Amino acid sequence: MSENKKIELTQAIENQGQKVRQLKSEGAEKSVIDAQVALLLEFKKELAVLEGTDKKASKASKTSFTLKTAKVCSFITHKE
């Protein structure tokens, strides 16, 4: 059953993406576009959870890390 749900969500994502592109090309109001984009993102989130590729879940189980260091700028002054 989850395979059918994946197919349905994939089709919904494609259709919603086309709808968003159409609204943007027509110059629709930002609030209308934002509402449709939010729906598209919700579909994508549901698909990610269903596939087990939810970004939030993968960040929690991440075993490697990146060491962040401060960037140092040095200024050279010339005295004449």
C-alpha atoms as a PDB file:
ATOM      1  CA  MET A   1       0.000   0.000   0.000  1.00  0.00           C
ATOM      2  CA  SER A   2       2.843   2.423   0.690  1.00  0.00           C
ATOM      3  CA  GLU A   3       4.058   2.011  -2.905  1.00  0.00           C
ATOM      4  CA  ASN A   4       0.676   3.275  -4.136  1.00  0.00           C
ATOM      5  CA  LYS A   5       0.910   6.195  -1.718  1.00  0.00           C
ATOM      6  CA  LYS A   6       4.384   7.047  -3.063  1.00  0.00           C
ATOM      7  CA  ILE A   7       3.063   7.049  -6.619  1.00  0.00           C
ATOM      8  CA  GLU A   8       0.109   9.230  -5.627  1.00  0.00           C
ATOM      9  CA  LEU A   9       2.357  11.697  -3.788  1.00  0.00           C
ATOM     10  CA  THR A  10       4.824  11.831  -6.683  1.00  0.00           C
ATOM     11  CA  GLN A  11       1.998  12.636  -9.096  1.00  0.00           C
ATOM     12  CA  ALA A  12       0.583  15.212  -6.670  1.00  0.00           C
ATOM     13  CA  ILE A  13       4.019  16.855  -6.406  1.00  0.00           C
ATOM     14  CA  GLU A  14       4.352  17.016 -10.195  1.00  0.00           C
ATOM     15  CA  ASN A  15       0.851  18.465 -10.611  1.00  0.00           C
ATOM     16  CA  GLN A  16       1.327  20.985  -7.811  1.00  0.00           C
ATOM     17  CA  GLY A  17       4.706  22.012  -9.225  1.00  0.00           C
ATOM     18  CA  GLN A  18       3.106  22.662 -12.609  1.00  0.00           C
ATOM     19  CA  LYS A  19       0.375  24.677 -10.917  1.00  0.00           C
ATOM     20  CA  VAL A  20       2.941  26.823  -9.073  1.00  0.00           C
ATOM     21  CA  ARG A  21       4.924  27.412 -12.282  1.00  0.00           C
ATOM     22  CA  GLN A  22       1.732  28.408 -14.088  1.00  0.00           C
ATOM     23  CA  LEU A  23       0.737  30.840 -11.342  1.00  0.00           C
ATOM     24  CA  LYS A  24       4.202  32.405 -11.397  1.00  0.00           C
ATOM     25  CA  SER A  25       4.170  32.784 -15.173  1.00  0.00           C
ATOM     26  CA  GLU A  26       0.724  34.405 -15.017  1.00  0.00           C
ATOM     27  CA  GLY A  27       1.938  36.875 -12.391  1.00  0.00           C
ATOM     28  CA  ALA A  28      -0.486  35.790  -9.679  1.00  0.00           C
ATOM     29  CA  GLU A  29      -0.477  37.471  -6.285  1.00  0.00           C
ATOM     30  CA  LYS A  30       2.292  36.456  -3.918  1.00  0.00           C
ATOM     31  CA  SER A  31      -0.158  35.239  -1.275  1.00  0.00           C
ATOM     32  CA  VAL A  32      -1.776  32.852  -3.764  1.00  0.00           C
ATOM     33  CA  ILE A  33       1.599  31.519  -4.912  1.00  0.00           C
ATOM     34  CA  ASP A  34       2.823  31.146  -1.323  1.00  0.00           C
ATOM     35  CA  ALA A  35      -0.253  29.091  -0.405  1.00  0.00           C
ATOM     36  CA  GLN A  36       0.317  26.744  -3.344  1.00  0.00           C
ATOM     37  CA  VAL A  37       4.053  26.453  -2.584  1.00  0.00           C
ATOM     38  CA  ALA A  38       3.210  25.567   1.025  1.00  0.00           C
ATOM     39  CA  LEU A  39       0.970  22.772  -0.246  1.00  0.00           C
ATOM     40  CA  LEU A  40       3.760  21.567  -2.554  1.00  0.00           C
ATOM     41  CA  LEU A  41       6.229  21.513   0.334  1.00  0.00           C
ATOM     42  CA  GLU A  42       3.755  19.557   2.444  1.00  0.00           C
ATOM     43  CA  PHE A  43       3.483  16.923  -0.294  1.00  0.00           C
ATOM     44  CA  LYS A  44       7.276  16.719  -0.503  1.00  0.00           C
ATOM     45  CA  LYS A  45       7.544  16.379   3.277  1.00  0.00           C
ATOM     46  CA  GLU A  46       4.980  13.548   3.305  1.00  0.00           C
ATOM     47  CA  LEU A  47       6.902  11.745   0.551  1.00  0.00           C
ATOM     48  CA  ALA A  48      10.207  12.160   2.410  1.00  0.00           C
ATOM     49  CA  VAL A  49       8.705  10.711   5.592  1.00  0.00           C
ATOM     50  CA  LEU A  50       7.178   7.835   3.647  1.00  0.00           C
ATOM     51  CA  GLU A  51      10.497   7.062   1.944  1.00  0.00           C
ATOM     52  CA  GLY A  52      12.455   7.467   5.149  1.00  0.00           C
ATOM     53  CA  THR A  53      14.504  10.359   3.804  1.00  0.00           C
ATOM     54  CA  ASP A  54      13.161  13.043   6.121  1.00  0.00           C
ATOM     55  CA  LYS A  55      15.950  15.621   6.464  1.00  0.00           C
ATOM     56  CA  LYS A  56      15.199  16.361  10.112  1.00  0.00           C
ATOM     57  CA  ALA A  57      15.412  12.673  11.003  1.00  0.00           C
ATOM     58  CA  SER A  58      18.668  12.233   9.116  1.00  0.00           C
ATOM     59  CA  LYS A  59      20.282  15.208  10.855  1.00  0.00           C
ATOM     60  CA  ALA A  60      19.620  13.651  14.243  1.00  0.00           C
ATOM     61  CA  SER A  61      21.353  10.420  13.248  1.00  0.00           C
ATOM     62  CA  LYS A  62      24.304  12.094  11.560  1.00  0.00           C
ATOM     63  CA  THR A  63      27.577  10.693  12.887  1.00  0.00           C
ATOM     64  CA  SER A  64      30.063  13.049  11.270  1.00  0.00           C
ATOM     65  CA  PHE A  65      30.546  16.696  12.064  1.00  0.00           C
ATOM     66  CA  THR A  66      32.117  19.773  10.568  1.00  0.00           C
ATOM     67  CA  LEU A  67      34.558  21.784  12.618  1.00  0.00           C
ATOM     68  CA  LYS A  68      33.797  25.460  12.258  1.00  0.00           C
ATOM     69  CA  THR A  69      36.594  27.939  12.791  1.00  0.00           C
ATOM     70  CA  ALA A  70      36.580  31.694  12.911  1.00  0.00           C
ATOM     71  CA  LYS A  71      37.761  33.537   9.846  1.00  0.00           C
ATOM     72  CA  VAL A  72      40.596  35.917  10.538  1.00  0.00           C
ATOM     73  CA  CYS A  73      41.235  38.962   8.433  1.00  0.00           C
ATOM     74  CA  SER A  74      44.500  40.752   8.698  1.00  0.00           C
ATOM     75  CA  PHE A  75      44.970  44.294   7.596  1.00  0.00           C
ATOM     76  CA  ILE A  76      48.324  45.592   6.509  1.00  0.00           C
ATOM     77  CA  THR A  77      48.915  49.239   7.156  1.00  0.00           C
ATOM     78  CA  HIS A  78      51.620  51.149   5.420  1.00  0.00           C
ATOM     79  CA  LYS A  79      53.158  54.183   7.039  1.00  0.00           C
ATOM     80  CA  GLU A  80      54.840  56.718   4.871  1.00  0.00           C
END
